[in-house]
Amino acid sequence: MKKLWICLLLVVCCISMVGCDSKEKDSKTDENQKQSSQQEDTNNQKEENDSLGYVEKETVSEMVTKLNTKIVNDSGLGPVSVESVTSEDTAYRYEITDGLSLVVVPEKMTGSKEEDIVLSMHISVEKEYQEDPQVLSYTNLLIMTNNSAISYEEAQDLIEKARTLASEQLSSNNGKGISVRYLETDDSIEYQVIRNYQ
C-alpha cells in the first residue's frame, strides 16, 4: 500500500512539474512573440522614416538665417524680422508682415535660439490675409530652405498635396526629409514644414 501511495505521489509530482514547465514555455513563447512584435514595429517605423528621407539637425537661429538668405537671394520679398521675435510656451514667433508670421517649433524649448533644434517651421497667416500672394511665396521659400535639394516645382507640389490631404489630417512628403501639412483653424491658416531626423 505504501508503494502505491509513493507511486501516486511521484505521478502527481511529475504531472505538476510538466505543467509548470509547460507554463514556463508558454510564458517564454509569449515574451518572445512580444519582443518579436516590438522589433517588427521598430523595423516598420524605421522603414517608414527611411522612406520619408532625412535632413540634418539645425538650430532655430541657423534655419531663420538660412530662410532670410533664401528670401533675399531668390525673391523680392522682405526678410523675416529677427528683431520682432516672441517666445511662446513651445515656439518662437517671428513677424513677417501684417497678419503673416513665421513660427518655429523646437524639439525642446529652452529659450536659446542658438541651441534649440528645429522640429518644424510654419508660415502662419490670419484668415483675412489668406489671399495675399506672399503667403505662398514665403511657404515655397520655407520648404526649399528646409531642404535645398527641393525645387520650386516640388515645393508647389508638396503644398498642393498637403491641401488635398488636410481633411484626413495627413501631410505630403516626397522622400527628401521634410513633410508639409496644411492646417486651417477658425482664424488662421498654417503651412507646416516638419523636419525628419535620423
Protein backbone atom coordinates (compact mmCIF):
# COMPACT_ATOMS: atom_id res chain seq x y z
CA MET A 1 0.00 0.00 0.00
CA LYS A 2 2.87 2.36 0.84
CA LYS A 3 4.38 1.67 -2.56
CA LEU A 4 1.10 2.57 -4.23
CA TRP A 5 0.92 5.90 -2.35
CA ILE A 6 4.54 6.64 -3.20
CA CYS A 7 3.87 5.88 -6.87
CA LEU A 8 0.79 8.12 -6.85
CA LEU A 9 2.76 10.95 -5.22
CA LEU A 10 5.52 10.58 -7.83
CA VAL A 11 2.96 10.68 -10.65
CA VAL A 12 1.33 13.81 -9.19
CA CYS A 13 4.75 15.49 -8.79
CA CYS A 14 5.72 14.62 -12.36
CA ILE A 15 2.43 15.97 -13.73
CA SER A 16 2.78 19.24 -11.79
CA MET A 17 6.40 19.62 -12.93
CA VAL A 18 5.38 19.07 -16.54
CA GLY A 19 2.55 21.59 -16.05
CA CYS A 20 4.94 24.18 -14.59
CA ASP A 21 7.42 23.52 -17.38
CA SER A 22 4.63 23.98 -19.92
CA LYS A 23 3.57 27.26 -18.28
CA GLU A 24 7.19 28.44 -18.34
CA LYS A 25 7.46 27.56 -22.03
CA ASP A 26 4.17 29.36 -22.77
CA SER A 27 5.40 32.39 -20.82
CA LYS A 28 8.71 32.38 -22.72
CA THR A 29 6.87 31.95 -26.03
CA ASP A 30 4.57 34.90 -25.20
CA GLU A 31 7.58 37.00 -24.22
CA ASN A 32 9.43 36.06 -27.42
CA GLN A 33 6.36 36.88 -29.52
CA LYS A 34 6.01 40.24 -27.74
CA GLN A 35 9.69 41.07 -28.35
CA SER A 36 9.38 39.96 -31.97
CA SER A 37 6.28 42.15 -32.40
CA GLN A 38 8.06 45.15 -30.84
CA GLN A 39 11.08 44.59 -33.10
CA GLU A 40 8.77 44.38 -36.12
CA ASP A 41 7.08 47.66 -35.10
CA THR A 42 10.50 49.29 -34.71
CA ASN A 43 11.60 47.98 -38.11
CA ASN A 44 8.36 49.20 -39.74
CA GLN A 45 8.82 52.64 -38.13
CA LYS A 46 12.41 52.78 -39.37
CA GLU A 47 11.36 51.76 -42.90
CA GLU A 48 8.64 54.42 -42.86
CA ASN A 49 11.11 57.06 -41.66
CA ASP A 50 13.65 55.93 -44.26
CA SER A 51 11.04 56.37 -46.99
CA LEU A 52 10.42 59.94 -45.77
CA GLY A 53 14.11 60.79 -46.04
CA TYR A 54 16.18 62.73 -43.54
CA VAL A 55 17.63 66.19 -43.04
CA GLU A 56 20.44 67.31 -40.75
CA LYS A 57 19.63 68.75 -37.33
CA GLU A 58 19.81 72.54 -37.27
CA THR A 59 19.12 75.21 -34.69
CA VAL A 60 16.42 77.87 -34.77
CA SER A 61 18.98 80.62 -35.44
CA GLU A 62 20.60 78.68 -38.29
CA MET A 63 17.29 77.97 -40.01
CA VAL A 64 15.96 81.54 -39.69
CA THR A 65 19.26 82.86 -41.09
CA LYS A 66 19.07 80.36 -43.99
CA LEU A 67 15.47 81.38 -44.70
CA ASN A 68 16.36 85.09 -44.73
CA THR A 69 19.30 84.40 -47.06
CA LYS A 70 16.98 82.47 -49.40
CA ILE A 71 14.41 85.30 -49.29
CA VAL A 72 16.98 87.99 -50.08
CA ASN A 73 18.75 85.98 -52.82
CA ASP A 74 15.73 84.40 -54.55
CA SER A 75 12.82 86.81 -54.17
CA GLY A 76 11.79 90.42 -53.89
CA LEU A 77 10.15 89.76 -50.52
CA GLY A 78 11.15 91.30 -47.23
CA PRO A 79 13.17 89.13 -44.82
CA VAL A 80 11.78 87.76 -41.58
CA SER A 81 12.34 90.28 -38.79
CA VAL A 82 14.70 88.85 -36.20
CA GLU A 83 14.06 91.91 -34.04
CA SER A 84 10.35 91.22 -33.53
CA VAL A 85 10.51 87.66 -32.24
CA THR A 86 8.40 86.47 -29.34
CA SER A 87 8.87 83.29 -27.33
CA GLU A 88 5.72 81.32 -26.67
CA ASP A 89 5.46 78.20 -24.49
CA THR A 90 6.56 75.83 -27.24
CA ALA A 91 7.61 78.04 -30.17
CA TYR A 92 9.27 81.20 -31.44
CA ARG A 93 7.13 83.60 -33.50
CA TYR A 94 8.73 85.99 -36.00
CA GLU A 95 6.61 88.71 -37.61
CA ILE A 96 6.92 88.97 -41.39
CA THR A 97 4.17 91.42 -42.40
CA ASP A 98 0.69 92.30 -41.16
CA GLY A 99 -1.16 89.08 -40.45
CA LEU A 100 1.74 86.90 -41.60
CA SER A 101 4.35 85.28 -39.38
CA LEU A 102 6.92 82.52 -39.16
CA VAL A 103 6.51 80.09 -36.26
CA VAL A 104 9.47 77.88 -35.35
CA VAL A 105 8.79 74.91 -33.08
CA PRO A 106 11.91 73.35 -31.49
CA GLU A 107 12.19 69.74 -30.37
CA LYS A 108 12.64 71.09 -26.84
CA MET A 109 12.09 74.71 -25.90
CA THR A 110 15.00 76.02 -23.82
CA GLY A 111 14.75 79.69 -24.74
CA SER A 112 18.06 79.64 -26.62
CA LYS A 113 17.59 80.02 -30.38
CA GLU A 114 21.28 79.15 -30.82
CA GLU A 115 20.82 75.75 -29.14
CA ASP A 116 17.20 74.70 -29.77
CA ILE A 117 16.91 72.15 -32.61
CA VAL A 118 14.08 72.84 -35.08
CA LEU A 119 11.25 70.31 -35.16
CA SER A 120 9.03 72.26 -37.57
CA MET A 121 8.61 75.69 -39.16
CA HIS A 122 5.23 77.20 -40.05
CA ILE A 123 4.03 80.05 -42.19
CA SER A 124 1.00 81.29 -40.27
CA VAL A 125 -1.48 83.73 -41.79
CA GLU A 126 -4.60 85.29 -40.34
CA LYS A 127 -7.71 84.42 -42.35
CA GLU A 128 -8.28 87.99 -43.52
CA TYR A 129 -4.83 87.96 -45.23
CA GLN A 130 -5.04 84.43 -46.70
CA GLU A 131 -5.37 85.66 -50.31
CA ASP A 132 -2.11 87.61 -50.10
CA PRO A 133 0.18 86.05 -52.79
CA GLN A 134 3.14 86.50 -50.45
CA VAL A 135 1.80 83.64 -48.30
CA LEU A 136 2.55 81.01 -50.93
CA SER A 137 5.83 82.68 -51.90
CA TYR A 138 7.08 82.53 -48.30
CA THR A 139 5.83 78.95 -47.97
CA ASN A 140 7.71 77.86 -51.10
CA LEU A 141 10.89 79.52 -49.85
CA LEU A 142 10.45 77.90 -46.44
CA ILE A 143 10.13 74.43 -47.98
CA MET A 144 13.20 74.94 -50.18
CA THR A 145 15.16 76.30 -47.19
CA ASN A 146 14.42 73.18 -45.16
CA ASN A 147 15.98 71.05 -47.91
CA SER A 148 17.95 72.77 -50.67
CA ALA A 149 17.51 69.66 -52.87
CA ILE A 150 13.81 70.52 -53.27
CA SER A 151 12.99 72.58 -56.37
CA TYR A 152 10.34 75.29 -56.67
CA GLU A 153 8.09 72.88 -58.62
CA GLU A 154 8.48 70.18 -55.96
CA ALA A 155 7.64 72.71 -53.26
CA GLN A 156 4.49 73.70 -55.16
CA ASP A 157 3.53 70.04 -55.49
CA LEU A 158 4.04 69.44 -51.75
CA ILE A 159 1.77 72.40 -50.96
CA GLU A 160 -0.99 71.20 -53.30
CA LYS A 161 -0.85 67.65 -51.91
CA ALA A 162 -0.88 68.98 -48.33
CA ARG A 163 -4.08 70.90 -49.07
CA THR A 164 -5.65 67.75 -50.55
CA LEU A 165 -4.64 65.67 -47.52
CA ALA A 166 -5.74 68.28 -44.95
CA SER A 167 -9.20 66.75 -44.41
CA GLU A 168 -7.51 63.46 -43.42
CA GLN A 169 -5.03 65.34 -41.19
CA LEU A 170 -2.13 63.92 -43.22
CA SER A 171 0.98 65.58 -44.59
CA SER A 172 2.61 65.41 -48.00
CA ASN A 173 6.15 64.11 -48.48
CA ASN A 174 8.43 63.41 -51.43
CA GLY A 175 11.13 61.40 -49.64
CA LYS A 176 13.51 64.33 -49.16
CA GLY A 177 13.42 64.65 -45.38
CA ILE A 178 10.54 67.06 -44.83
CA SER A 179 6.77 66.79 -44.74
CA VAL A 180 4.27 69.58 -45.40
CA ARG A 181 0.96 69.87 -43.58
CA TYR A 182 -1.87 72.33 -44.20
CA LEU A 183 -3.87 73.29 -41.13
CA GLU A 184 -6.88 75.59 -41.03
CA THR A 185 -8.50 76.96 -37.87
CA ASP A 186 -11.30 79.48 -37.36
CA ASP A 187 -8.97 82.47 -37.52
CA SER A 188 -5.77 81.32 -39.27
CA ILE A 189 -4.13 79.05 -41.81
CA GLU A 190 -0.78 77.35 -41.34
CA TYR A 191 1.59 75.71 -43.77
CA GLN A 192 3.74 73.49 -41.57
CA VAL A 193 7.12 72.18 -42.69
CA ILE A 194 8.07 69.22 -40.47
CA ARG A 195 11.69 68.05 -40.39
CA ASN A 196 12.53 64.32 -40.25
CA TYR A 197 15.75 63.43 -38.40
CA GLN A 198 17.60 60.13 -38.31
